[in-house]
Amino acid sequence: EDLSADTRYYYRYRAGERTSEIGTFRTAPAPSQSAAVRFGWV
């Protein structure tokens, strides 16, 4: 929670000495910001 709008983040998980793959996401722009967007559906 309490993330910053329109910001790239990275995440991963650890279990003992092992580490997961790295994932990434970008948060949405603030509702007042006019920003282009590209998305898919499957």
PDB file of all heavy atoms in Angstrom:
ATOM      1  N   GLU A   1       0.830  -1.201   0.000  1.00  0.00           N
ATOM      2  CA  GLU A   1       0.000   0.000   0.000  1.00  0.00           C
ATOM      3  C   GLU A   1       0.865   1.253   0.000  1.00  0.00           C
ATOM      4  O   GLU A   1       2.084   1.189   0.144  1.00  0.00           O
ATOM      5  CB  GLU A   1      -0.919   0.003   1.228  1.00  0.00           C
ATOM      6  CG  GLU A   1      -1.842  -1.193   1.307  1.00  0.00           C
ATOM      7  CD  GLU A   1      -2.645  -1.215   2.590  1.00  0.00           C
ATOM      8  OE1 GLU A   1      -2.070  -0.849   3.639  1.00  0.00           O
ATOM      9  OE2 GLU A   1      -3.828  -1.579   2.544  1.00  0.00           O
ATOM     10  N   ASP A   2       0.208   2.396  -0.141  1.00  0.00           N
ATOM     11  CA  ASP A   2       0.860   3.711  -0.062  1.00  0.00           C
ATOM     12  C   ASP A   2       2.003   3.826  -1.075  1.00  0.00           C
ATOM     13  O   ASP A   2       3.067   4.392  -0.777  1.00  0.00           O
ATOM     14  CB  ASP A   2       1.376   3.978   1.353  1.00  0.00           C
ATOM     15  CG  ASP A   2       0.250   3.960   2.381  1.00  0.00           C
ATOM     16  OD1 ASP A   2      -0.843   4.464   2.066  1.00  0.00           O
ATOM     17  OD2 ASP A   2       0.466   3.425   3.483  1.00  0.00           O
ATOM     18  N   LEU A   3       1.787   3.287  -2.273  1.00  0.00           N
ATOM     19  CA  LEU A   3       2.782   3.398  -3.327  1.00  0.00           C
ATOM     20  C   LEU A   3       2.649   4.753  -4.031  1.00  0.00           C
ATOM     21  O   LEU A   3       1.624   5.437  -3.923  1.00  0.00           O
ATOM     22  CB  LEU A   3       2.599   2.264  -4.335  1.00  0.00           C
ATOM     23  CG  LEU A   3       2.651   0.848  -3.766  1.00  0.00           C
ATOM     24  CD1 LEU A   3       2.424  -0.176  -4.869  1.00  0.00           C
ATOM     25  CD2 LEU A   3       3.970   0.581  -3.055  1.00  0.00           C
ATOM     26  N   SER A   4       3.680   5.123  -4.758  1.00  0.00           N
ATOM     27  CA  SER A   4       3.659   6.367  -5.520  1.00  0.00           C
ATOM     28  C   SER A   4       3.053   6.126  -6.900  1.00  0.00           C
ATOM     29  O   SER A   4       3.310   5.088  -7.528  1.00  0.00           O
ATOM     30  CB  SER A   4       5.076   6.919  -5.672  1.00  0.00           C
ATOM     31  OG  SER A   4       5.638   7.219  -4.405  1.00  0.00           O
ATOM     32  N   ALA A   5       2.272   7.074  -7.366  1.00  0.00           N
ATOM     33  CA  ALA A   5       1.654   6.949  -8.680  1.00  0.00           C
ATOM     34  C   ALA A   5       2.705   7.016  -9.778  1.00  0.00           C
ATOM     35  O   ALA A   5       3.761   7.639  -9.622  1.00  0.00           O
ATOM     36  CB  ALA A   5       0.617   8.051  -8.876  1.00  0.00           C
ATOM     37  N   ASP A   6       2.398   6.347 -10.888  1.00  0.00           N
ATOM     38  CA  ASP A   6       3.220   6.402 -12.101  1.00  0.00           C
ATOM     39  C   ASP A   6       4.699   6.108 -11.793  1.00  0.00           C
ATOM     40  O   ASP A   6       5.601   6.826 -12.235  1.00  0.00           O
ATOM     41  CB  ASP A   6       3.081   7.780 -12.748  1.00  0.00           C
ATOM     42  CG  ASP A   6       3.560   7.789 -14.199  1.00  0.00           C
ATOM     43  OD1 ASP A   6       3.642   6.704 -14.812  1.00  0.00           O
ATOM     44  OD2 ASP A   6       3.861   8.880 -14.709  1.00  0.00           O
ATOM     45  N   THR A   7       4.920   5.007 -11.081  1.00  0.00           N
ATOM     46  CA  THR A   7       6.270   4.663 -10.614  1.00  0.00           C
ATOM     47  C   THR A   7       6.555   3.195 -10.893  1.00  0.00           C
ATOM     48  O   THR A   7       5.692   2.330 -10.676  1.00  0.00           O
ATOM     49  CB  THR A   7       6.411   4.930  -9.100  1.00  0.00           C
ATOM     50  OG1 THR A   7       6.153   6.321  -8.858  1.00  0.00           O
ATOM     51  CG2 THR A   7       7.805   4.575  -8.595  1.00  0.00           C
ATOM     52  N   ARG A   8       7.763   2.906 -11.348  1.00  0.00           N
ATOM     53  CA  ARG A   8       8.215   1.534 -11.596  1.00  0.00           C
ATOM     54  C   ARG A   8       8.719   0.915 -10.294  1.00  0.00           C
ATOM     55  O   ARG A   8       9.507   1.509  -9.567  1.00  0.00           O
ATOM     56  CB  ARG A   8       9.326   1.523 -12.636  1.00  0.00           C
ATOM     57  CG  ARG A   8      10.028   0.194 -12.837  1.00  0.00           C
ATOM     58  CD  ARG A   8       9.161  -0.824 -13.554  1.00  0.00           C
ATOM     59  NE  ARG A   8       8.772  -0.371 -14.876  1.00  0.00           N
ATOM     60  CZ  ARG A   8       7.934  -1.061 -15.656  1.00  0.00           C
ATOM     61  NH1 ARG A   8       7.396  -2.193 -15.229  1.00  0.00           N
ATOM     62  NH2 ARG A   8       7.619  -0.590 -16.856  1.00  0.00           N
ATOM     63  N   TYR A   9       8.245  -0.293  -9.989  1.00  0.00           N
ATOM     64  CA  TYR A   9       8.699  -1.052  -8.829  1.00  0.00           C
ATOM     65  C   TYR A   9       9.160  -2.437  -9.275  1.00  0.00           C
ATOM     66  O   TYR A   9       8.730  -2.952 -10.311  1.00  0.00           O
ATOM     67  CB  TYR A   9       7.576  -1.214  -7.801  1.00  0.00           C
ATOM     68  CG  TYR A   9       7.182   0.064  -7.097  1.00  0.00           C
ATOM     69  CD1 TYR A   9       6.117   0.827  -7.568  1.00  0.00           C
ATOM     70  CD2 TYR A   9       7.861   0.493  -5.960  1.00  0.00           C
ATOM     71  CE1 TYR A   9       5.731   1.998  -6.926  1.00  0.00           C
ATOM     72  CE2 TYR A   9       7.485   1.662  -5.307  1.00  0.00           C
ATOM     73  CZ  TYR A   9       6.428   2.411  -5.792  1.00  0.00           C
ATOM     74  OH  TYR A   9       6.062   3.564  -5.155  1.00  0.00           O
ATOM     75  N   TYR A  10      10.002  -3.045  -8.422  1.00  0.00           N
ATOM     76  CA  TYR A  10      10.469  -4.410  -8.617  1.00  0.00           C
ATOM     77  C   TYR A  10      10.200  -5.189  -7.338  1.00  0.00           C
ATOM     78  O   TYR A  10      10.233  -4.635  -6.237  1.00  0.00           O
ATOM     79  CB  TYR A  10      11.965  -4.440  -8.957  1.00  0.00           C
ATOM     80  CG  TYR A  10      12.298  -3.683 -10.211  1.00  0.00           C
ATOM     81  CD1 TYR A  10      12.559  -2.305 -10.165  1.00  0.00           C
ATOM     82  CD2 TYR A  10      12.330  -4.324 -11.445  1.00  0.00           C
ATOM     83  CE1 TYR A  10      12.841  -1.598 -11.324  1.00  0.00           C
ATOM     84  CE2 TYR A  10      12.621  -3.620 -12.611  1.00  0.00           C
ATOM     85  CZ  TYR A  10      12.870  -2.256 -12.538  1.00  0.00           C
ATOM     86  OH  TYR A  10      13.146  -1.558 -13.677  1.00  0.00           O
ATOM     87  N   TYR A  11       9.932  -6.486  -7.483  1.00  0.00           N
ATOM     88  CA  TYR A  11       9.662  -7.307  -6.312  1.00  0.00           C
ATOM     89  C   TYR A  11      10.249  -8.693  -6.512  1.00  0.00           C
ATOM     90  O   TYR A  11      10.485  -9.150  -7.634  1.00  0.00           O
ATOM     91  CB  TYR A  11       8.151  -7.396  -6.041  1.00  0.00           C
ATOM     92  CG  TYR A  11       7.376  -8.091  -7.139  1.00  0.00           C
ATOM     93  CD1 TYR A  11       7.070  -9.449  -7.060  1.00  0.00           C
ATOM     94  CD2 TYR A  11       6.951  -7.391  -8.269  1.00  0.00           C
ATOM     95  CE1 TYR A  11       6.384 -10.094  -8.075  1.00  0.00           C
ATOM     96  CE2 TYR A  11       6.264  -8.029  -9.287  1.00  0.00           C
ATOM     97  CZ  TYR A  11       5.974  -9.369  -9.186  1.00  0.00           C
ATOM     98  OH  TYR A  11       5.297 -10.005 -10.194  1.00  0.00           O
ATOM     99  N   ARG A  12      10.496  -9.336  -5.393  1.00  0.00           N
ATOM    100  CA  ARG A  12      10.955 -10.721  -5.402  1.00  0.00           C
ATOM    101  C   ARG A  12      10.634 -11.325  -4.040  1.00  0.00           C
ATOM    102  O   ARG A  12      10.209 -10.617  -3.117  1.00  0.00           O
ATOM    103  CB  ARG A  12      12.454 -10.804  -5.692  1.00  0.00           C
ATOM    104  CG  ARG A  12      13.338 -10.234  -4.593  1.00  0.00           C
ATOM    105  CD  ARG A  12      14.799 -10.241  -4.998  1.00  0.00           C
ATOM    106  NE  ARG A  12      15.645  -9.672  -3.940  1.00  0.00           N
ATOM    107  CZ  ARG A  12      16.942  -9.423  -4.082  1.00  0.00           C
ATOM    108  NH1 ARG A  12      17.560  -9.694  -5.239  1.00  0.00           N
ATOM    109  NH2 ARG A  12      17.631  -8.894  -3.087  1.00  0.00           N
ATOM    110  N   TYR A  13      10.865 -12.627  -3.930  1.00  0.00           N
ATOM    111  CA  TYR A  13      10.621 -13.343  -2.673  1.00  0.00           C
ATOM    112  C   TYR A  13      11.873 -14.125  -2.305  1.00  0.00           C
ATOM    113  O   TYR A  13      12.638 -14.562  -3.172  1.00  0.00           O
ATOM    114  CB  TYR A  13       9.430 -14.296  -2.821  1.00  0.00           C
ATOM    115  CG  TYR A  13       8.094 -13.597  -2.890  1.00  0.00           C
ATOM    116  CD1 TYR A  13       7.586 -13.113  -4.092  1.00  0.00           C
ATOM    117  CD2 TYR A  13       7.333 -13.420  -1.740  1.00  0.00           C
ATOM    118  CE1 TYR A  13       6.361 -12.474  -4.150  1.00  0.00           C
ATOM    119  CE2 TYR A  13       6.099 -12.786  -1.787  1.00  0.00           C
ATOM    120  CZ  TYR A  13       5.622 -12.317  -2.989  1.00  0.00           C
ATOM    121  OH  TYR A  13       4.406 -11.682  -3.039  1.00  0.00           O
ATOM    122  N   ARG A  14      12.032 -14.317  -0.993  1.00  0.00           N
ATOM    123  CA  ARG A  14      13.138 -15.123  -0.465  1.00  0.00           C
ATOM    124  C   ARG A  14      12.581 -16.228   0.424  1.00  0.00           C
ATOM    125  O   ARG A  14      11.632 -16.021   1.177  1.00  0.00           O
ATOM    126  CB  ARG A  14      14.101 -14.271   0.361  1.00  0.00           C
ATOM    127  CG  ARG A  14      14.893 -13.245  -0.438  1.00  0.00           C
ATOM    128  CD  ARG A  14      15.881 -12.519   0.476  1.00  0.00           C
ATOM    129  NE  ARG A  14      16.699 -11.569  -0.239  1.00  0.00           N
ATOM    130  CZ  ARG A  14      17.814 -11.883  -0.893  1.00  0.00           C
ATOM    131  NH1 ARG A  14      18.236 -13.137  -0.907  1.00  0.00           N
ATOM    132  NH2 ARG A  14      18.516 -10.947  -1.517  1.00  0.00           N
ATOM    133  N   ALA A  15      13.199 -17.406   0.323  1.00  0.00           N
ATOM    134  CA  ALA A  15      12.874 -18.525   1.219  1.00  0.00           C
ATOM    135  C   ALA A  15      14.198 -19.174   1.587  1.00  0.00           C
ATOM    136  O   ALA A  15      14.814 -19.857   0.762  1.00  0.00           O
ATOM    137  CB  ALA A  15      11.945 -19.525   0.539  1.00  0.00           C
ATOM    138  N   GLY A  16      14.665 -18.942   2.807  1.00  0.00           N
ATOM    139  CA  GLY A  16      15.986 -19.434   3.183  1.00  0.00           C
ATOM    140  C   GLY A  16      17.049 -18.791   2.322  1.00  0.00           C
ATOM    141  O   GLY A  16      17.114 -17.560   2.173  1.00  0.00           O
ATOM    142  N   GLU A  17      17.861 -19.630   1.694  1.00  0.00           N
ATOM    143  CA  GLU A  17      18.927 -19.115   0.842  1.00  0.00           C
ATOM    144  C   GLU A  17      18.484 -18.918  -0.603  1.00  0.00           C
ATOM    145  O   GLU A  17      19.266 -18.442  -1.430  1.00  0.00           O
ATOM    146  CB  GLU A  17      20.112 -20.089   0.869  1.00  0.00           C
ATOM    147  CG  GLU A  17      20.729 -20.263   2.266  1.00  0.00           C
ATOM    148  CD  GLU A  17      21.815 -21.313   2.269  1.00  0.00           C
ATOM    149  OE1 GLU A  17      22.095 -21.893   1.194  1.00  0.00           O
ATOM    150  OE2 GLU A  17      22.383 -21.567   3.346  1.00  0.00           O
ATOM    151  N   ARG A  18      17.238 -19.264  -0.914  1.00  0.00           N
ATOM    152  CA  ARG A  18      16.774 -19.186  -2.297  1.00  0.00           C
ATOM    153  C   ARG A  18      16.003 -17.895  -2.546  1.00  0.00           C
ATOM    154  O   ARG A  18      15.314 -17.377  -1.662  1.00  0.00           O
ATOM    155  CB  ARG A  18      15.899 -20.388  -2.644  1.00  0.00           C
ATOM    156  CG  ARG A  18      16.672 -21.708  -2.648  1.00  0.00           C
ATOM    157  CD  ARG A  18      15.800 -22.822  -3.202  1.00  0.00           C
ATOM    158  NE  ARG A  18      16.511 -24.093  -3.218  1.00  0.00           N
ATOM    159  CZ  ARG A  18      17.268 -24.509  -4.225  1.00  0.00           C
ATOM    160  NH1 ARG A  18      17.399 -23.763  -5.291  1.00  0.00           N
ATOM    161  NH2 ARG A  18      17.879 -25.681  -4.151  1.00  0.00           N
ATOM    162  N   THR A  19      16.115 -17.414  -3.772  1.00  0.00           N
ATOM    163  CA  THR A  19      15.433 -16.192  -4.199  1.00  0.00           C
ATOM    164  C   THR A  19      14.615 -16.489  -5.450  1.00  0.00           C
ATOM    165  O   THR A  19      15.054 -17.214  -6.339  1.00  0.00           O
ATOM    166  CB  THR A  19      16.445 -15.075  -4.508  1.00  0.00           C
ATOM    167  OG1 THR A  19      17.268 -14.867  -3.362  1.00  0.00           O
ATOM    168  CG2 THR A  19      15.734 -13.782  -4.847  1.00  0.00           C
ATOM    169  N   SER A  20      13.423 -15.923  -5.506  1.00  0.00           N
ATOM    170  CA  SER A  20      12.551 -16.115  -6.664  1.00  0.00           C
ATOM    171  C   SER A  20      13.052 -15.298  -7.853  1.00  0.00           C
ATOM    172  O   SER A  20      14.005 -14.510  -7.748  1.00  0.00           O
ATOM    173  CB  SER A  20      11.132 -15.655  -6.323  1.00  0.00           C
ATOM    174  OG  SER A  20      11.073 -14.235  -6.261  1.00  0.00           O
ATOM    175  N   GLU A  21      12.376 -15.470  -8.986  1.00  0.00           N
ATOM    176  CA  GLU A  21      12.565 -14.548 -10.102  1.00  0.00           C
ATOM    177  C   GLU A  21      12.189 -13.139  -9.658  1.00  0.00           C
ATOM    178  O   GLU A  21      11.499 -12.940  -8.658  1.00  0.00           O
ATOM    179  CB  GLU A  21      11.666 -14.960 -11.272  1.00  0.00           C
ATOM    180  CG  GLU A  21      11.890 -16.362 -11.792  1.00  0.00           C
ATOM    181  CD  GLU A  21      10.809 -16.779 -12.772  1.00  0.00           C
ATOM    182  OE1 GLU A  21      10.228 -15.885 -13.437  1.00  0.00           O
ATOM    183  OE2 GLU A  21      10.518 -17.983 -12.858  1.00  0.00           O
ATOM    184  N   ILE A  22      12.621 -12.159 -10.423  1.00  0.00           N
ATOM    185  CA  ILE A  22      12.263 -10.773 -10.161  1.00  0.00           C
ATOM    186  C   ILE A  22      11.068 -10.402 -11.042  1.00  0.00           C
ATOM    187  O   ILE A  22      11.056 -10.659 -12.244  1.00  0.00           O
ATOM    188  CB  ILE A  22      13.442  -9.828 -10.459  1.00  0.00           C
ATOM    189  CG1 ILE A  22      14.588 -10.104  -9.487  1.00  0.00           C
ATOM    190  CG2 ILE A  22      13.008  -8.363 -10.366  1.00  0.00           C
ATOM    191  CD1 ILE A  22      15.859  -9.356  -9.824  1.00  0.00           C
ATOM    192  N   GLY A  23      10.059  -9.809 -10.438  1.00  0.00           N
ATOM    193  CA  GLY A  23       8.925  -9.289 -11.172  1.00  0.00           C
ATOM    194  C   GLY A  23       8.902  -7.777 -11.124  1.00  0.00           C
ATOM    195  O   GLY A  23       9.587  -7.159 -10.288  1.00  0.00           O
ATOM    196  N   THR A  24       8.125  -7.173 -11.995  1.00  0.00           N
ATOM    197  CA  THR A  24       8.048  -5.718 -12.029  1.00  0.00           C
ATOM    198  C   THR A  24       6.636  -5.265 -12.367  1.00  0.00           C
ATOM    199  O   THR A  24       5.870  -5.999 -13.004  1.00  0.00           O
ATOM    200  CB  THR A  24       9.050  -5.139 -13.046  1.00  0.00           C
ATOM    201  OG1 THR A  24       9.040  -3.705 -12.956  1.00  0.00           O
ATOM    202  CG2 THR A  24       8.693  -5.550 -14.470  1.00  0.00           C
ATOM    203  N   PHE A  25       6.297  -4.056 -11.929  1.00  0.00           N
ATOM    204  CA  PHE A  25       5.038  -3.433 -12.310  1.00  0.00           C
ATOM    205  C   PHE A  25       5.205  -1.922 -12.236  1.00  0.00           C
ATOM    206  O   PHE A  25       6.124  -1.417 -11.584  1.00  0.00           O
ATOM    207  CB  PHE A  25       3.883  -3.870 -11.393  1.00  0.00           C
ATOM    208  CG  PHE A  25       4.075  -3.530  -9.934  1.00  0.00           C
ATOM    209  CD1 PHE A  25       3.732  -2.269  -9.444  1.00  0.00           C
ATOM    210  CD2 PHE A  25       4.590  -4.467  -9.045  1.00  0.00           C
ATOM    211  CE1 PHE A  25       3.904  -1.961  -8.099  1.00  0.00           C
ATOM    212  CE2 PHE A  25       4.774  -4.161  -7.702  1.00  0.00           C
ATOM    213  CZ  PHE A  25       4.421  -2.901  -7.227  1.00  0.00           C
ATOM    214  N   ARG A  26       4.344  -1.238 -12.946  1.00  0.00           N
ATOM    215  CA  ARG A  26       4.293   0.219 -12.863  1.00  0.00           C
ATOM    216  C   ARG A  26       2.922   0.614 -12.340  1.00  0.00           C
ATOM    217  O   ARG A  26       1.897   0.115 -12.834  1.00  0.00           O
ATOM    218  CB  ARG A  26       4.539   0.858 -14.236  1.00  0.00           C
ATOM    219  CG  ARG A  26       4.730   2.370 -14.157  1.00  0.00           C
ATOM    220  CD  ARG A  26       5.133   2.981 -15.488  1.00  0.00           C
ATOM    221  NE  ARG A  26       5.613   4.355 -15.295  1.00  0.00           N
ATOM    222  CZ  ARG A  26       6.875   4.672 -15.041  1.00  0.00           C
ATOM    223  NH1 ARG A  26       7.801   3.720 -14.971  1.00  0.00           N
ATOM    224  NH2 ARG A  26       7.232   5.931 -14.862  1.00  0.00           N
ATOM    225  N   THR A  27       2.887   1.484 -11.352  1.00  0.00           N
ATOM    226  CA  THR A  27       1.612   1.953 -10.832  1.00  0.00           C
ATOM    227  C   THR A  27       0.940   2.889 -11.827  1.00  0.00           C
ATOM    228  O   THR A  27       1.577   3.471 -12.706  1.00  0.00           O
ATOM    229  CB  THR A  27       1.797   2.678  -9.491  1.00  0.00           C
ATOM    230  OG1 THR A  27       2.802   3.680  -9.641  1.00  0.00           O
ATOM    231  CG2 THR A  27       2.202   1.707  -8.394  1.00  0.00           C
ATOM    232  N   ALA A  28      -0.363   3.030 -11.688  1.00  0.00           N
ATOM    233  CA  ALA A  28      -1.129   3.903 -12.579  1.00  0.00           C
ATOM    234  C   ALA A  28      -0.811   5.363 -12.298  1.00  0.00           C
ATOM    235  O   ALA A  28      -0.429   5.730 -11.182  1.00  0.00           O
ATOM    236  CB  ALA A  28      -2.620   3.650 -12.378  1.00  0.00           C
ATOM    237  N   PRO A  29      -0.985   6.211 -13.294  1.00  0.00           N
ATOM    238  CA  PRO A  29      -0.868   7.649 -13.043  1.00  0.00           C
ATOM    239  C   PRO A  29      -1.991   8.124 -12.118  1.00  0.00           C
ATOM    240  O   PRO A  29      -3.023   7.458 -11.971  1.00  0.00           O
ATOM    241  CB  PRO A  29      -1.009   8.267 -14.431  1.00  0.00           C
ATOM    242  CG  PRO A  29      -0.866   7.146 -15.399  1.00  0.00           C
ATOM    243  CD  PRO A  29      -1.283   5.908 -14.692  1.00  0.00           C
ATOM    244  N   ALA A  30      -1.801   9.266 -11.507  1.00  0.00           N
ATOM    245  CA  ALA A  30      -2.862   9.863 -10.696  1.00  0.00           C
ATOM    246  C   ALA A  30      -4.070  10.174 -11.579  1.00  0.00           C
ATOM    247  O   ALA A  30      -3.927  10.424 -12.787  1.00  0.00           O
ATOM    248  CB  ALA A  30      -2.343  11.134 -10.035  1.00  0.00           C
ATOM    249  N   PRO A  31      -5.278  10.163 -11.002  1.00  0.00           N
ATOM    250  CA  PRO A  31      -6.483  10.380 -11.813  1.00  0.00           C
ATOM    251  C   PRO A  31      -6.493  11.685 -12.596  1.00  0.00           C
ATOM    252  O   PRO A  31      -7.172  11.786 -13.622  1.00  0.00           O
ATOM    253  CB  PRO A  31      -7.601  10.348 -10.768  1.00  0.00           C
ATOM    254  CG  PRO A  31      -7.068   9.492  -9.672  1.00  0.00           C
ATOM    255  CD  PRO A  31      -5.598   9.799  -9.609  1.00  0.00           C
ATOM    256  N   SER A  32      -5.748  12.657 -12.159  1.00  0.00           N
ATOM    257  CA  SER A  32      -5.734  13.944 -12.857  1.00  0.00           C
ATOM    258  C   SER A  32      -4.731  13.991 -14.006  1.00  0.00           C
ATOM    259  O   SER A  32      -4.729  14.943 -14.795  1.00  0.00           O
ATOM    260  CB  SER A  32      -5.390  15.062 -11.870  1.00  0.00           C
ATOM    261  OG  SER A  32      -4.100  14.832 -11.291  1.00  0.00           O
ATOM    262  N   GLN A  33      -3.880  12.960 -14.124  1.00  0.00           N
ATOM    263  CA  GLN A  33      -2.800  12.979 -15.100  1.00  0.00           C
ATOM    264  C   GLN A  33      -3.260  12.384 -16.430  1.00  0.00           C
ATOM    265  O   GLN A  33      -3.797  11.279 -16.476  1.00  0.00           O
ATOM    266  CB  GLN A  33      -1.602  12.190 -14.567  1.00  0.00           C
ATOM    267  CG  GLN A  33      -0.389  12.205 -15.491  1.00  0.00           C
ATOM    268  CD  GLN A  33       0.779  11.438 -14.907  1.00  0.00           C
ATOM    269  OE1 GLN A  33       0.750  11.030 -13.741  1.00  0.00           O
ATOM    270  NE2 GLN A  33       1.815  11.230 -15.710  1.00  0.00           N
ATOM    271  N   SER A  34      -3.020  13.092 -17.514  1.00  0.00           N
ATOM    272  CA  SER A  34      -3.360  12.587 -18.842  1.00  0.00           C
ATOM    273  C   SER A  34      -2.152  11.852 -19.403  1.00  0.00           C
ATOM    274  O   SER A  34      -1.200  12.466 -19.897  1.00  0.00           O
ATOM    275  CB  SER A  34      -3.761  13.740 -19.764  1.00  0.00           C
ATOM    276  OG  SER A  34      -4.153  13.256 -21.027  1.00  0.00           O
ATOM    277  N   ALA A  35      -2.164  10.532 -19.296  1.00  0.00           N
ATOM    278  CA  ALA A  35      -1.011   9.720 -19.698  1.00  0.00           C
ATOM    279  C   ALA A  35      -1.470   8.618 -20.642  1.00  0.00           C
ATOM    280  O   ALA A  35      -2.493   7.968 -20.412  1.00  0.00           O
ATOM    281  CB  ALA A  35      -0.342   9.113 -18.467  1.00  0.00           C
ATOM    282  N   ALA A  36      -0.713   8.410 -21.692  1.00  0.00           N
ATOM    283  CA  ALA A  36      -1.026   7.338 -22.633  1.00  0.00           C
ATOM    284  C   ALA A  36      -0.947   5.987 -21.935  1.00  0.00           C
ATOM    285  O   ALA A  36      -0.252   5.823 -20.922  1.00  0.00           O
ATOM    286  CB  ALA A  36      -0.062   7.385 -23.810  1.00  0.00           C
ATOM    287  N   VAL A  37      -1.639   5.005 -22.482  1.00  0.00           N
ATOM    288  CA  VAL A  37      -1.646   3.668 -21.883  1.00  0.00           C
ATOM    289  C   VAL A  37      -1.759   2.623 -22.988  1.00  0.00           C
ATOM    290  O   VAL A  37      -2.381   2.853 -24.031  1.00  0.00           O
ATOM    291  CB  VAL A  37      -2.814   3.519 -20.874  1.00  0.00           C
ATOM    292  CG1 VAL A  37      -4.166   3.721 -21.540  1.00  0.00           C
ATOM    293  CG2 VAL A  37      -2.753   2.173 -20.164  1.00  0.00           C
ATOM    294  N   ARG A  38      -1.134   1.483 -22.745  1.00  0.00           N
ATOM    295  CA  ARG A  38      -1.188   0.333 -23.664  1.00  0.00           C
ATOM    296  C   ARG A  38      -1.430  -0.904 -22.803  1.00  0.00           C
ATOM    297  O   ARG A  38      -0.685  -1.168 -21.861  1.00  0.00           O
ATOM    298  CB  ARG A  38       0.116   0.208 -24.432  1.00  0.00           C
ATOM    299  CG  ARG A  38       0.152  -0.950 -25.414  1.00  0.00           C
ATOM    300  CD  ARG A  38       1.409  -0.909 -26.275  1.00  0.00           C
ATOM    301  NE  ARG A  38       2.638  -0.859 -25.480  1.00  0.00           N
ATOM    302  CZ  ARG A  38       3.373   0.232 -25.282  1.00  0.00           C
ATOM    303  NH1 ARG A  38       3.020   1.379 -25.826  1.00  0.00           N
ATOM    304  NH2 ARG A  38       4.462   0.177 -24.552  1.00  0.00           N
ATOM    305  N   PHE A  39      -2.476  -1.660 -23.117  1.00  0.00           N
ATOM    306  CA  PHE A  39      -2.800  -2.845 -22.320  1.00  0.00           C
ATOM    307  C   PHE A  39      -3.405  -3.924 -23.203  1.00  0.00           C
ATOM    308  O   PHE A  39      -3.899  -3.653 -24.301  1.00  0.00           O
ATOM    309  CB  PHE A  39      -3.758  -2.489 -21.169  1.00  0.00           C
ATOM    310  CG  PHE A  39      -5.073  -1.921 -21.625  1.00  0.00           C
ATOM    311  CD1 PHE A  39      -6.164  -2.735 -21.879  1.00  0.00           C
ATOM    312  CD2 PHE A  39      -5.220  -0.547 -21.806  1.00  0.00           C
ATOM    313  CE1 PHE A  39      -7.368  -2.214 -22.304  1.00  0.00           C
ATOM    314  CE2 PHE A  39      -6.424  -0.010 -22.239  1.00  0.00           C
ATOM    315  CZ  PHE A  39      -7.499  -0.843 -22.477  1.00  0.00           C
ATOM    316  N   GLY A  40      -3.356  -5.156 -22.714  1.00  0.00           N
ATOM    317  CA  GLY A  40      -3.872  -6.287 -23.471  1.00  0.00           C
ATOM    318  C   GLY A  40      -4.985  -7.005 -22.746  1.00  0.00           C
ATOM    319  O   GLY A  40      -5.251  -6.765 -21.569  1.00  0.00           O
ATOM    320  N   TRP A  41      -5.656  -7.890 -23.487  1.00  0.00           N
ATOM    321  CA  TRP A  41      -6.591  -8.805 -22.836  1.00  0.00           C
ATOM    322  C   TRP A  41      -6.536 -10.162 -23.524  1.00  0.00           C
ATOM    323  O   TRP A  41      -6.326 -10.251 -24.727  1.00  0.00           O
ATOM    324  CB  TRP A  41      -7.999  -8.230 -22.787  1.00  0.00           C
ATOM    325  CG  TRP A  41      -8.867  -8.376 -23.993  1.00  0.00           C
ATOM    326  CD1 TRP A  41      -9.826  -9.323 -24.215  1.00  0.00           C
ATOM    327  CD2 TRP A  41      -8.909  -7.513 -25.152  1.00  0.00           C
ATOM    328  NE1 TRP A  41     -10.452  -9.117 -25.423  1.00  0.00           N
ATOM    329  CE2 TRP A  41      -9.915  -8.014 -26.019  1.00  0.00           C
ATOM    330  CE3 TRP A  41      -8.191  -6.383 -25.540  1.00  0.00           C
ATOM    331  CZ2 TRP A  41     -10.209  -7.418 -27.236  1.00  0.00           C
ATOM    332  CZ3 TRP A  41      -8.490  -5.785 -26.768  1.00  0.00           C
ATOM    333  CH2 TRP A  41      -9.477  -6.303 -27.597  1.00  0.00           C
ATOM    334  N   VAL A  42      -6.676 -11.205 -22.702  1.00  0.00           N
ATOM    335  CA  VAL A  42      -6.602 -12.580 -23.193  1.00  0.00           C
ATOM    336  C   VAL A  42      -7.653 -13.407 -22.469  1.00  0.00           C
ATOM    337  O   VAL A  42      -8.165 -13.027 -21.417  1.00  0.00           O
ATOM    338  CB  VAL A  42      -5.204 -13.200 -22.956  1.00  0.00           C
ATOM    339  CG1 VAL A  42      -4.102 -12.273 -23.449  1.00  0.00           C
ATOM    340  CG2 VAL A  42      -4.980 -13.542 -21.485  1.00  0.00           C
TER     341      VAL A  42
END
